[in-house]
Amino acid sequence: MSVLENERDVERRPPAGRGPRRRRVTDEHGRRVRGWELALRYLLLLAVLALTVGPFLWQLSTSLKGPTEDIFSSPPKFLPGDPTLHNYKRVADTIPVWDYAFNSLKVAGANVVTNCVGSALAGYALARLRYRGRRVATLVFILAMLVPVEGIIIAQFTTMRELGLNNTLIGVVLPGCVGAMNVLLMRNAFLNLPYEIEDAAFVDGANTWQRFLRIALPSVKGTLAVVAIFAFMGAWDDFLWPLIVLSDPSKFTLTIGLNYLHGTFANDERLVAAGTVIAVAPLIALFACLQRYFFRGVGEGAVKG
């Protein structure tokens, strides 16, 4: 061992008579976090976790309970005594759940494609192009977010009827094909990109479409994932608009179809819980596949202060 390595080894050793130094917990600003503050934060996180994930876990547990188990026992039993998947089979026997799920998948898939394409184009135009009325157009999208859906749903229904799109899945997709929130997310993501990259591409002869497709769009993949998740969730969970525009049972989406599990002649909480789990499972799978891009996209599309 050289002399220099020996000196470094001596420097790394703790002083005589002292044990190893305890690691200090600090926040993002480098300030020390006390033990009781750290414990309080973890308690709050556990409370939020119980409020958000707890109801889903309870529904999952209820869906796995057999007909002989009492789901209203006091105190309640969280874990099923004899887990079974029979309730899921009963859901498929009661309603055509897979046909409804396929209709919802078609609506949600079309909503994702239209929102990603339309929001990316509109966001790029609002953020990077120079033309008269750009700020007014941005203000229009902001004001569109302030209008409640219930206030325009009659006008939407009348429009779909005049277009002959009532009782069609296209009529379900069309009103939400491009969301104002998604456009603003893409706009803010494009605003965060440095202009020097596009200026260099412009000097090299790249036109607007080439700069959009080859430079700007690949840099905001995270925000596109956020838009895709929001669009899928909004279309998959929507209940009011499909209920109004659809009248043919063969075209019902999953949210409308599951409503038949809970009514005057069918009131089995196990069936409702199983149907709820079937409806939530695709959302969990989608988020699990796109979570890496989702958390990166939140930072890309952050609103500048």
Foldseek 3Di string as FASTA:
>chain_A
DDPVVVVVVVVPDDDPPDDDDDDFDADPVRHGDDPVNVVVVVVVVVVVCCVPCVVLLQLVQLLQEDPVDDCPDVVGDSHHPHGDNVLLVVLCVVFVLVLQAVLLVVLLVLLLVLALVVLLVLLCCLAPDDDPCSVVVLVVLVVVVVDDCVVCLVVLLVVCVVVVNFQHSCSLNPVNSHHSVLNLLNNQLLNPDDVVVVVVVVVVPDDPVCCSPPPRVVSQQLSSLQSSLVSSVCSLPDDPNQVVRHDDSSNHHNNVRLVVCPDDVHHRSNNNSSSVCVSCVVSVVSCVVNVVSPVVNCVSRDDDD
